Each structure stands twice: as C-alpha cells, then as structure tokens.
Amino acid sequence: MNNMAISNNQIVSVASLREGQTNTKSAKGFSDVLFNAVKEVNNLHQTADKAIQNVQAGNTGGLHEAMIALEKADVSFRTMLTVRNKLIEAYQEIMRMQV
C-alpha cells in the first residue's frame, strides 16, 4: 500500500506527493484495510480454484494460466501470513511493556 497517514483522518498517496499533488481522501480504519486484504487473498484463491477446474474440465484456459493463478494466490497467502505474524509480534511486544 502506497499511502502515508497524516493528521485529521486524511491520507495522501506517496505517488501524488512525488508528483506534487495534494489530493486527500478520507482514511480507512485499520480493520477495513485488513478486511479488504483478506478479501483480496480469498478472491485470488477462488480465481485459482476456477482456473484449475477449467483445466480439469478441458474448458478454455491453459495449464499455464492456472499455474500463474496458483502462484499469485500462494504469494498473496504467504504475504498475509507474514503480516499476521508481524502484527502478533508487535502486539506481544506492546503487552510486555510496563506502564
């Protein structure tokens, strides 16, 4: 994600900062971002499943397209797991802090 959070619940795209633009949008909540990421990973896995079914049935779509869809789904799932593990580590570190 190429967004940088700023005050007053606004975000500015890093690309727009490079171009000198100052368009701002309402910021999404952290839970919304996580929900959308998990939803996208699920969509990639469903697409891969459909591609596999098409190859098995002999419908349109080749084996290479199914393999590409599988790799996209695999990479997105591994990325999601890495992010989850980092979030858990950060949470545990915060819980160890003394107040």
N, C-alpha and C. Protein backbone atom coordinates (compact mmCIF):
# COMPACT_ATOMS: atom_id res chain seq x y z
N MET A 1 0.86 -1.16 0.00
CA MET A 1 0.00 0.00 0.00
C MET A 1 0.90 1.22 0.00
N ASN A 2 0.66 2.15 -0.89
CA ASN A 2 1.48 3.34 -1.02
C ASN A 2 0.80 4.55 -0.44
N ASN A 3 0.34 4.46 0.78
CA ASN A 3 -0.33 5.58 1.42
C ASN A 3 0.39 5.93 2.70
N MET A 4 0.40 7.21 3.01
CA MET A 4 1.03 7.68 4.22
C MET A 4 -0.02 8.40 5.04
N ALA A 5 -0.19 7.98 6.27
CA ALA A 5 -1.22 8.58 7.13
C ALA A 5 -0.77 9.94 7.62
N ILE A 6 -1.71 10.88 7.65
CA ILE A 6 -1.44 12.20 8.21
C ILE A 6 -2.58 12.55 9.15
N SER A 7 -2.48 13.68 9.81
CA SER A 7 -3.48 14.03 10.80
C SER A 7 -4.83 14.33 10.18
N ASN A 8 -5.83 14.45 11.02
CA ASN A 8 -7.22 14.77 10.64
C ASN A 8 -7.85 13.70 9.76
N ASN A 9 -7.48 12.42 9.98
CA ASN A 9 -8.06 11.29 9.25
C ASN A 9 -8.00 11.47 7.74
N GLN A 10 -6.89 11.93 7.23
CA GLN A 10 -6.70 12.07 5.79
C GLN A 10 -5.46 11.30 5.40
N ILE A 11 -5.45 10.78 4.17
CA ILE A 11 -4.27 10.11 3.66
C ILE A 11 -3.86 10.75 2.36
N VAL A 12 -2.59 10.70 2.09
CA VAL A 12 -2.05 11.25 0.86
C VAL A 12 -1.26 10.15 0.19
N SER A 13 -1.50 9.92 -1.05
CA SER A 13 -0.78 8.91 -1.80
C SER A 13 0.67 9.34 -1.94
N VAL A 14 1.59 8.38 -1.76
CA VAL A 14 3.01 8.67 -1.91
C VAL A 14 3.30 9.09 -3.35
N ALA A 15 2.62 8.45 -4.30
CA ALA A 15 2.81 8.82 -5.70
C ALA A 15 2.38 10.26 -5.95
N SER A 16 1.28 10.68 -5.31
CA SER A 16 0.84 12.06 -5.52
C SER A 16 1.80 13.05 -4.87
N LEU A 17 2.46 12.64 -3.77
CA LEU A 17 3.46 13.52 -3.16
C LEU A 17 4.64 13.71 -4.11
N ARG A 18 5.03 12.65 -4.79
CA ARG A 18 6.13 12.75 -5.74
C ARG A 18 5.77 13.68 -6.90
N GLU A 19 4.51 13.65 -7.31
CA GLU A 19 4.07 14.47 -8.43
C GLU A 19 3.70 15.87 -8.00
N GLY A 20 3.72 16.15 -6.71
CA GLY A 20 3.39 17.47 -6.22
C GLY A 20 1.90 17.70 -6.05
N GLN A 21 1.11 16.64 -6.13
CA GLN A 21 -0.33 16.79 -5.96
C GLN A 21 -0.68 16.69 -4.48
N THR A 22 -1.76 17.31 -4.09
CA THR A 22 -2.16 17.27 -2.69
C THR A 22 -3.60 16.79 -2.53
N ASN A 23 -4.05 15.88 -3.38
CA ASN A 23 -5.40 15.33 -3.23
C ASN A 23 -5.44 14.47 -1.98
N THR A 24 -6.46 14.68 -1.16
CA THR A 24 -6.60 13.89 0.06
C THR A 24 -7.92 13.16 0.03
N LYS A 25 -7.96 12.02 0.71
CA LYS A 25 -9.17 11.21 0.82
C LYS A 25 -9.38 10.88 2.28
N SER A 26 -10.58 10.44 2.60
CA SER A 26 -10.84 10.01 3.97
C SER A 26 -10.05 8.74 4.24
N ALA A 27 -9.49 8.64 5.41
CA ALA A 27 -8.68 7.47 5.77
C ALA A 27 -9.59 6.30 6.13
N LYS A 28 -9.15 5.11 5.76
CA LYS A 28 -9.85 3.91 6.15
C LYS A 28 -9.31 3.48 7.49
N GLY A 29 -10.14 2.80 8.23
CA GLY A 29 -9.70 2.27 9.50
C GLY A 29 -8.79 1.08 9.29
N PHE A 30 -8.00 0.75 10.30
CA PHE A 30 -7.07 -0.36 10.22
C PHE A 30 -7.81 -1.66 9.97
N SER A 31 -8.94 -1.84 10.62
CA SER A 31 -9.71 -3.08 10.42
C SER A 31 -10.23 -3.18 8.99
N ASP A 32 -10.60 -2.05 8.39
CA ASP A 32 -11.06 -2.05 6.99
C ASP A 32 -9.95 -2.48 6.04
N VAL A 33 -8.76 -1.98 6.30
CA VAL A 33 -7.61 -2.34 5.46
C VAL A 33 -7.34 -3.83 5.57
N LEU A 34 -7.34 -4.36 6.79
CA LEU A 34 -7.10 -5.79 6.97
C LEU A 34 -8.21 -6.63 6.35
N PHE A 35 -9.44 -6.21 6.52
CA PHE A 35 -10.57 -6.94 5.95
C PHE A 35 -10.46 -6.99 4.43
N ASN A 36 -10.14 -5.87 3.81
CA ASN A 36 -10.00 -5.83 2.35
C ASN A 36 -8.84 -6.68 1.86
N ALA A 37 -7.75 -6.72 2.62
CA ALA A 37 -6.60 -7.54 2.24
C ALA A 37 -6.95 -9.02 2.28
N VAL A 38 -7.63 -9.43 3.34
CA VAL A 38 -8.04 -10.83 3.45
C VAL A 38 -9.05 -11.18 2.36
N LYS A 39 -9.93 -10.26 2.06
CA LYS A 39 -10.92 -10.47 1.00
C LYS A 39 -10.23 -10.64 -0.36
N GLU A 40 -9.21 -9.85 -0.61
CA GLU A 40 -8.48 -9.94 -1.88
C GLU A 40 -7.73 -11.27 -1.98
N VAL A 41 -7.12 -11.72 -0.89
CA VAL A 41 -6.45 -13.02 -0.88
C VAL A 41 -7.46 -14.13 -1.15
N ASN A 42 -8.62 -14.05 -0.56
CA ASN A 42 -9.67 -15.04 -0.79
C ASN A 42 -10.10 -15.04 -2.26
N ASN A 43 -10.25 -13.86 -2.84
CA ASN A 43 -10.63 -13.77 -4.26
C ASN A 43 -9.58 -14.40 -5.16
N LEU A 44 -8.30 -14.20 -4.84
CA LEU A 44 -7.23 -14.81 -5.63
C LEU A 44 -7.28 -16.33 -5.54
N HIS A 45 -7.58 -16.86 -4.36
CA HIS A 45 -7.69 -18.31 -4.21
C HIS A 45 -8.90 -18.86 -4.95
N GLN A 46 -10.00 -18.15 -4.94
CA GLN A 46 -11.17 -18.59 -5.69
C GLN A 46 -10.90 -18.57 -7.19
N THR A 47 -10.19 -17.56 -7.66
CA THR A 47 -9.83 -17.49 -9.07
C THR A 47 -8.93 -18.66 -9.45
N ALA A 48 -7.98 -19.00 -8.59
CA ALA A 48 -7.09 -20.13 -8.85
C ALA A 48 -7.88 -21.43 -8.89
N ASP A 49 -8.84 -21.59 -7.99
CA ASP A 49 -9.67 -22.80 -7.99
C ASP A 49 -10.47 -22.92 -9.28
N LYS A 50 -11.01 -21.80 -9.75
CA LYS A 50 -11.78 -21.83 -11.00
C LYS A 50 -10.88 -22.17 -12.18
N ALA A 51 -9.65 -21.64 -12.16
CA ALA A 51 -8.71 -21.94 -13.25
C ALA A 51 -8.35 -23.43 -13.26
N ILE A 52 -8.19 -24.01 -12.09
CA ILE A 52 -7.89 -25.45 -12.00
C ILE A 52 -9.07 -26.26 -12.51
N GLN A 53 -10.28 -25.87 -12.13
CA GLN A 53 -11.46 -26.58 -12.60
C GLN A 53 -11.59 -26.49 -14.12
N ASN A 54 -11.26 -25.34 -14.70
CA ASN A 54 -11.31 -25.19 -16.15
C ASN A 54 -10.30 -26.10 -16.84
N VAL A 55 -9.12 -26.24 -16.27
CA VAL A 55 -8.11 -27.12 -16.86
C VAL A 55 -8.57 -28.57 -16.76
N GLN A 56 -9.12 -28.96 -15.63
CA GLN A 56 -9.58 -30.33 -15.45
C GLN A 56 -10.73 -30.67 -16.38
N ALA A 57 -11.62 -29.70 -16.61
CA ALA A 57 -12.78 -29.94 -17.46
C ALA A 57 -12.45 -29.80 -18.94
N GLY A 58 -11.27 -29.27 -19.24
CA GLY A 58 -10.90 -29.08 -20.63
C GLY A 58 -11.53 -27.84 -21.25
N ASN A 59 -12.05 -26.95 -20.43
CA ASN A 59 -12.65 -25.71 -20.91
C ASN A 59 -11.55 -24.74 -21.33
N THR A 60 -11.95 -23.54 -21.66
CA THR A 60 -10.98 -22.54 -22.06
C THR A 60 -10.00 -22.27 -20.93
N GLY A 61 -8.83 -21.89 -21.30
CA GLY A 61 -7.79 -21.63 -20.31
C GLY A 61 -6.78 -22.76 -20.32
N GLY A 62 -5.54 -22.37 -20.33
CA GLY A 62 -4.49 -23.37 -20.37
C GLY A 62 -3.89 -23.64 -19.01
N LEU A 63 -3.02 -24.62 -19.01
CA LEU A 63 -2.35 -25.01 -17.78
C LEU A 63 -1.49 -23.87 -17.25
N HIS A 64 -0.86 -23.12 -18.15
CA HIS A 64 0.00 -22.02 -17.71
C HIS A 64 -0.80 -20.94 -16.99
N GLU A 65 -2.02 -20.67 -17.45
CA GLU A 65 -2.86 -19.68 -16.77
C GLU A 65 -3.25 -20.15 -15.37
N ALA A 66 -3.53 -21.44 -15.24
CA ALA A 66 -3.87 -21.99 -13.93
C ALA A 66 -2.66 -21.92 -12.99
N MET A 67 -1.48 -22.21 -13.51
CA MET A 67 -0.27 -22.15 -12.68
C MET A 67 0.03 -20.72 -12.24
N ILE A 68 -0.18 -19.76 -13.12
CA ILE A 68 0.03 -18.36 -12.75
C ILE A 68 -0.95 -17.94 -11.66
N ALA A 69 -2.21 -18.35 -11.81
CA ALA A 69 -3.21 -18.02 -10.79
C ALA A 69 -2.87 -18.67 -9.46
N LEU A 70 -2.37 -19.91 -9.50
CA LEU A 70 -1.98 -20.59 -8.26
C LEU A 70 -0.81 -19.88 -7.59
N GLU A 71 0.16 -19.45 -8.36
CA GLU A 71 1.32 -18.75 -7.79
C GLU A 71 0.92 -17.41 -7.19
N LYS A 72 0.02 -16.69 -7.87
CA LYS A 72 -0.46 -15.42 -7.31
C LYS A 72 -1.15 -15.66 -5.97
N ALA A 73 -1.98 -16.68 -5.92
CA ALA A 73 -2.69 -16.99 -4.67
C ALA A 73 -1.71 -17.41 -3.58
N ASP A 74 -0.70 -18.18 -3.94
CA ASP A 74 0.28 -18.64 -2.97
C ASP A 74 1.10 -17.48 -2.41
N VAL A 75 1.55 -16.61 -3.28
CA VAL A 75 2.35 -15.46 -2.84
C VAL A 75 1.52 -14.54 -1.96
N SER A 76 0.28 -14.29 -2.34
CA SER A 76 -0.57 -13.41 -1.53
C SER A 76 -0.86 -14.03 -0.16
N PHE A 77 -1.05 -15.35 -0.11
CA PHE A 77 -1.32 -16.00 1.16
C PHE A 77 -0.09 -15.95 2.07
N ARG A 78 1.09 -16.22 1.49
CA ARG A 78 2.32 -16.17 2.30
C ARG A 78 2.58 -14.76 2.81
N THR A 79 2.27 -13.75 1.98
CA THR A 79 2.44 -12.37 2.41
C THR A 79 1.49 -12.05 3.56
N MET A 80 0.25 -12.51 3.45
CA MET A 80 -0.72 -12.28 4.50
C MET A 80 -0.27 -12.94 5.81
N LEU A 81 0.28 -14.15 5.73
CA LEU A 81 0.76 -14.82 6.93
C LEU A 81 1.93 -14.06 7.56
N THR A 82 2.80 -13.53 6.73
CA THR A 82 3.94 -12.76 7.25
C THR A 82 3.46 -11.51 7.97
N VAL A 83 2.50 -10.82 7.38
CA VAL A 83 1.95 -9.62 8.01
C VAL A 83 1.26 -9.99 9.32
N ARG A 84 0.52 -11.08 9.31
CA ARG A 84 -0.15 -11.53 10.54
C ARG A 84 0.86 -11.82 11.64
N ASN A 85 1.94 -12.51 11.29
CA ASN A 85 2.96 -12.83 12.28
C ASN A 85 3.62 -11.58 12.83
N LYS A 86 3.87 -10.59 11.98
CA LYS A 86 4.47 -9.34 12.44
C LYS A 86 3.50 -8.58 13.36
N LEU A 87 2.22 -8.60 13.04
CA LEU A 87 1.24 -7.95 13.90
C LEU A 87 1.16 -8.62 15.27
N ILE A 88 1.22 -9.93 15.28
CA ILE A 88 1.18 -10.65 16.55
C ILE A 88 2.43 -10.34 17.37
N GLU A 89 3.60 -10.31 16.72
CA GLU A 89 4.83 -9.96 17.43
C GLU A 89 4.76 -8.55 18.00
N ALA A 90 4.22 -7.61 17.24
CA ALA A 90 4.10 -6.24 17.72
C ALA A 90 3.14 -6.17 18.91
N TYR A 91 2.03 -6.88 18.82
CA TYR A 91 1.07 -6.91 19.93
C TYR A 91 1.72 -7.49 21.18
N GLN A 92 2.45 -8.58 21.03
CA GLN A 92 3.11 -9.19 22.18
C GLN A 92 4.16 -8.27 22.79
N GLU A 93 4.87 -7.54 21.94
CA GLU A 93 5.86 -6.58 22.43
C GLU A 93 5.19 -5.46 23.23
N ILE A 94 4.07 -4.99 22.75
CA ILE A 94 3.33 -3.94 23.46
C ILE A 94 2.83 -4.48 24.79
N MET A 95 2.36 -5.71 24.82
CA MET A 95 1.85 -6.28 26.07
C MET A 95 2.96 -6.49 27.10
N ARG A 96 4.20 -6.65 26.65
CA ARG A 96 5.32 -6.79 27.57
C ARG A 96 5.78 -5.48 28.18
N MET A 97 5.37 -4.37 27.58
CA MET A 97 5.79 -3.06 28.08
C MET A 97 5.17 -2.79 29.45
N GLN A 98 5.95 -2.17 30.31
CA GLN A 98 5.44 -1.82 31.61
C GLN A 98 4.93 -0.38 31.57
N VAL A 99 3.80 -0.17 32.21
CA VAL A 99 3.19 1.15 32.21
C VAL A 99 3.59 1.93 33.41
